[in-house]
PDB file of N, CA and C in Angstrom:
ATOM      1  N   MET A   1     121.361 256.287 -79.441  1.00  0.00           N
ATOM      2  CA  MET A   1     121.835 256.088 -81.478  1.00  0.00           C
ATOM      3  C   MET A   1     123.214 256.881 -81.229  1.00  0.00           C
ATOM      4  N   SER A   2     123.830 257.885 -80.626  1.00  0.00           N
ATOM      5  CA  SER A   2     125.186 258.392 -80.292  1.00  0.00           C
ATOM      6  C   SER A   2     126.346 257.222 -80.577  1.00  0.00           C
ATOM      7  N   ARG A   3     125.565 255.705 -79.472  1.00  0.00           N
ATOM      8  CA  ARG A   3     126.773 254.536 -79.653  1.00  0.00           C
ATOM      9  C   ARG A   3     125.810 253.528 -80.635  1.00  0.00           C
ATOM     10  N   ASN A   4     124.969 253.309 -81.137  1.00  0.00           N
ATOM     11  CA  ASN A   4     124.117 252.924 -82.180  1.00  0.00           C
ATOM     12  C   ASN A   4     125.991 253.545 -83.675  1.00  0.00           C
ATOM     13  N   ILE A   5     125.622 254.372 -83.565  1.00  0.00           N
ATOM     14  CA  ILE A   5     126.675 255.163 -85.315  1.00  0.00           C
ATOM     15  C   ILE A   5     128.145 255.122 -84.854  1.00  0.00           C
ATOM     16  N   LEU A   6     128.364 255.142 -83.708  1.00  0.00           N
ATOM     17  CA  LEU A   6     130.085 254.298 -83.405  1.00  0.00           C
ATOM     18  C   LEU A   6     129.611 252.599 -83.580  1.00  0.00           C
ATOM     19  N   VAL A   7     128.957 252.389 -83.031  1.00  0.00           N
ATOM     20  CA  VAL A   7     129.140 250.825 -83.385  1.00  0.00           C
ATOM     21  C   VAL A   7     129.744 250.949 -85.098  1.00  0.00           C
ATOM     22  N   VAL A   8     128.350 251.570 -86.168  1.00  0.00           N
ATOM     23  CA  VAL A   8     128.347 251.413 -87.791  1.00  0.00           C
ATOM     24  C   VAL A   8     129.282 252.077 -87.859  1.00  0.00           C
ATOM     25  N   LEU A   9     129.864 253.087 -87.225  1.00  0.00           N
ATOM     26  CA  LEU A   9     131.218 253.107 -87.918  1.00  0.00           C
ATOM     27  C   LEU A   9     132.328 252.599 -87.736  1.00  0.00           C
ATOM     28  N   ALA A  10     132.492 251.806 -86.197  1.00  0.00           N
ATOM     29  CA  ALA A  10     133.122 250.734 -86.521  1.00  0.00           C
ATOM     30  C   ALA A  10     133.531 249.655 -87.505  1.00  0.00           C
ATOM     31  N   LEU A  11     132.295 249.607 -87.743  1.00  0.00           N
ATOM     32  CA  LEU A  11     131.988 248.165 -87.691  1.00  0.00           C
ATOM     33  C   LEU A  11     132.387 248.403 -89.729  1.00  0.00           C
ATOM     34  N   VAL A  12     132.209 249.623 -90.777  1.00  0.00           N
ATOM     35  CA  VAL A  12     132.826 249.986 -91.544  1.00  0.00           C
ATOM     36  C   VAL A  12     133.921 250.646 -91.605  1.00  0.00           C
ATOM     37  N   VAL A  13     134.342 250.693 -90.902  1.00  0.00           N
ATOM     38  CA  VAL A  13     136.566 250.677 -90.881  1.00  0.00           C
ATOM     39  C   VAL A  13     137.208 249.133 -90.443  1.00  0.00           C
ATOM     40  N   VAL A  14     136.404 248.538 -89.767  1.00  0.00           N
ATOM     41  CA  VAL A  14     137.235 247.128 -89.817  1.00  0.00           C
ATOM     42  C   VAL A  14     137.039 246.009 -91.018  1.00  0.00           C
ATOM     43  N   ILE A  15     135.697 246.037 -92.308  1.00  0.00           N
ATOM     44  CA  ILE A  15     135.362 246.467 -93.478  1.00  0.00           C
ATOM     45  C   ILE A  15     136.249 247.487 -93.748  1.00  0.00           C
ATOM     46  N   ALA A  16     136.227 247.584 -94.056  1.00  0.00           N
ATOM     47  CA  ALA A  16     137.486 249.026 -95.177  1.00  0.00           C
ATOM     48  C   ALA A  16     138.506 248.173 -94.659  1.00  0.00           C
ATOM     49  N   ILE A  17     139.105 248.102 -93.260  1.00  0.00           N
ATOM     50  CA  ILE A  17     140.820 247.844 -93.016  1.00  0.00           C
ATOM     51  C   ILE A  17     140.787 246.480 -94.047  1.00  0.00           C
ATOM     52  N   VAL A  18     140.212 245.624 -94.216  1.00  0.00           N
ATOM     53  CA  VAL A  18     140.128 243.435 -94.525  1.00  0.00           C
ATOM     54  C   VAL A  18     139.552 243.842 -95.581  1.00  0.00           C
ATOM     55  N   ALA A  19     139.329 245.018 -96.559  1.00  0.00           N
ATOM     56  CA  ALA A  19     139.278 245.138 -98.030  1.00  0.00           C
ATOM     57  C   ALA A  19     141.008 245.200 -98.509  1.00  0.00           C
ATOM     58  N   PHE A  20     140.908 246.405 -97.828  1.00  0.00           N
ATOM     59  CA  PHE A  20     142.214 246.970 -98.587  1.00  0.00           C
ATOM     60  C   PHE A  20     143.094 246.221 -97.955  1.00  0.00           C
ATOM     61  N   SER A  21     143.073 245.420 -97.109  1.00  0.00           N
ATOM     62  CA  SER A  21     143.980 244.168 -96.339  1.00  0.00           C
ATOM     63  C   SER A  21     143.701 242.906 -98.180  1.00  0.00           C
ATOM     64  N   MET A  22     142.694 242.746 -98.527  1.00  0.00           N
ATOM     65  CA  MET A  22     142.442 241.790 -99.247  1.00  0.00           C
ATOM     66  C   MET A  22     142.665 242.496-100.885  1.00  0.00           C
ATOM     67  N   PHE A  23     142.563 243.293-101.373  1.00  0.00           N
ATOM     68  CA  PHE A  23     143.075 243.962-102.452  1.00  0.00           C
ATOM     69  C   PHE A  23     144.470 245.012-102.262  1.00  0.00           C
ATOM     70  N   GLY A  24     144.825 244.766-101.433  1.00  0.00           N
ATOM     71  CA  GLY A  24     145.983 245.716-101.354  1.00  0.00           C
ATOM     72  C   GLY A  24     146.895 245.193-102.408  1.00  0.00           C
ATOM     73  N   ASN A  25     147.984 245.797-102.497  1.00  0.00           N
ATOM     74  CA  ASN A  25     149.671 245.299-102.312  1.00  0.00           C
ATOM     75  C   ASN A  25     150.138 244.178-101.434  1.00  0.00           C
ATOM     76  N   ASN A  26     150.310 245.486-100.344  1.00  0.00           N
ATOM     77  CA  ASN A  26     150.497 244.256 -99.132  1.00  0.00           C
ATOM     78  C   ASN A  26     149.254 242.999 -98.432  1.00  0.00           C
ATOM     79  N   GLY A  27     148.572 243.372 -98.862  1.00  0.00           N
ATOM     80  CA  GLY A  27     147.442 241.252 -98.716  1.00  0.00           C
ATOM     81  C   GLY A  27     148.074 240.878 -99.513  1.00  0.00           C
ATOM     82  N   THR A  28     148.512 241.441-101.058  1.00  0.00           N
ATOM     83  CA  THR A  28     148.346 240.334-101.589  1.00  0.00           C
ATOM     84  C   THR A  28     149.782 239.567-101.376  1.00  0.00           C
ATOM     85  N   GLU A  29     150.522 240.270-101.592  1.00  0.00           N
ATOM     86  CA  GLU A  29     152.017 240.228-100.389  1.00  0.00           C
ATOM     87  C   GLU A  29     151.737 239.089 -99.263  1.00  0.00           C
ATOM     88  N   THR A  30     151.167 239.395 -98.647  1.00  0.00           N
ATOM     89  CA  THR A  30     150.879 238.570 -97.287  1.00  0.00           C
ATOM     90  C   THR A  30     150.110 237.495 -98.004  1.00  0.00           C
ATOM     91  N   ILE A  31     149.684 237.416 -98.526  1.00  0.00           N
ATOM     92  CA  ILE A  31     148.615 235.551 -98.666  1.00  0.00           C
ATOM     93  C   ILE A  31     148.487 235.604 -99.890  1.00  0.00           C
ATOM     94  N   THR A  32     149.708 233.637-100.224  1.00  0.00           N
ATOM     95  CA  THR A  32     150.022 233.744-101.116  1.00  0.00           C
ATOM     96  C   THR A  32     149.317 232.227-101.599  1.00  0.00           C
ATOM     97  N   PRO A  33     147.854 232.937-102.180  1.00  0.00           N
ATOM     98  CA  PRO A  33     146.926 231.470-101.974  1.00  0.00           C
ATOM     99  C   PRO A  33     147.645 230.304-103.550  1.00  0.00           C
ATOM    100  N   ASP A  34     147.965 230.888-104.599  1.00  0.00           N
ATOM    101  CA  ASP A  34     149.039 230.579-105.133  1.00  0.00           C
ATOM    102  C   ASP A  34     149.760 228.982-104.733  1.00  0.00           C
ATOM    103  N   ALA A  35     150.388 228.904-103.950  1.00  0.00           N
ATOM    104  CA  ALA A  35     151.879 228.783-103.111  1.00  0.00           C
ATOM    105  C   ALA A  35     151.295 227.613-102.365  1.00  0.00           C
ATOM    106  N   THR A  36     149.972 227.852-101.901  1.00  0.00           N
ATOM    107  CA  THR A  36     149.266 226.502-101.692  1.00  0.00           C
ATOM    108  C   THR A  36     148.129 226.259-101.752  1.00  0.00           C
ATOM    109  N   THR A  37     148.108 226.088-103.157  1.00  0.00           N
ATOM    110  CA  THR A  37     147.105 226.097-103.859  1.00  0.00           C
ATOM    111  C   THR A  37     147.746 225.057-104.870  1.00  0.00           C
ATOM    112  N   GLU A  38     149.032 224.881-105.621  1.00  0.00           N
ATOM    113  CA  GLU A  38     150.914 223.925-105.710  1.00  0.00           C
ATOM    114  C   GLU A  38     150.889 223.148-105.283  1.00  0.00           C
ATOM    115  N   GLU A  39     151.151 223.159-103.911  1.00  0.00           N
ATOM    116  CA  GLU A  39     151.004 222.153-102.644  1.00  0.00           C
ATOM    117  C   GLU A  39     150.819 221.852-102.063  1.00  0.00           C
ATOM    118  N   ALA A  40     149.787 221.824-101.929  1.00  0.00           N
ATOM    119  CA  ALA A  40     148.116 221.184-102.381  1.00  0.00           C
ATOM    120  C   ALA A  40     148.069 219.724-103.200  1.00  0.00           C
ATOM    121  N   PRO A  41     147.512 218.753-103.357  1.00  0.00           N
ATOM    122  CA  PRO A  41     147.428 217.870-103.912  1.00  0.00           C
ATOM    123  C   PRO A  41     146.153 217.980-104.966  1.00  0.00           C
ATOM    124  N   PRO A  42     146.578 217.210-106.282  1.00  0.00           N
ATOM    125  CA  PRO A  42     145.213 217.973-106.848  1.00  0.00           C
ATOM    126  C   PRO A  42     143.887 216.603-106.874  1.00  0.00           C
ATOM    127  N   THR A  43     144.621 216.397-106.913  1.00  0.00           N
ATOM    128  CA  THR A  43     142.689 215.567-105.957  1.00  0.00           C
ATOM    129  C   THR A  43     141.642 215.842-105.321  1.00  0.00           C
ATOM    130  N   GLU A  44     141.912 216.653-104.234  1.00  0.00           N
ATOM    131  CA  GLU A  44     141.427 217.567-102.838  1.00  0.00           C
ATOM    132  C   GLU A  44     140.184 218.683-103.731  1.00  0.00           C
ATOM    133  N   PRO A  45     141.422 219.966-104.811  1.00  0.00           N
ATOM    134  CA  PRO A  45     140.211 220.794-105.505  1.00  0.00           C
ATOM    135  C   PRO A  45     139.290 219.801-106.444  1.00  0.00           C
ATOM    136  N   ALA A  46     139.575 218.655-106.576  1.00  0.00           N
ATOM    137  CA  ALA A  46     139.020 218.541-108.486  1.00  0.00           C
ATOM    138  C   ALA A  46     137.841 217.496-106.801  1.00  0.00           C
ATOM    139  N   ASP A  47     137.346 217.141-106.081  1.00  0.00           N
ATOM    140  CA  ASP A  47     136.026 216.771-104.983  1.00  0.00           C
ATOM    141  C   ASP A  47     135.772 218.136-105.231  1.00  0.00           C
TER     142      ASP A  47
END
């Protein structure tokens, strides 16, 4: 029983870290999708 709770807590912590990295200031600075879209040719996104 306690092991299941620990697993759930671990998953929640991982999801929280991912969410913070995605929406946090550090995440936006590291991940720059705008730069990649500008470099990519306009024909690929159109499809």
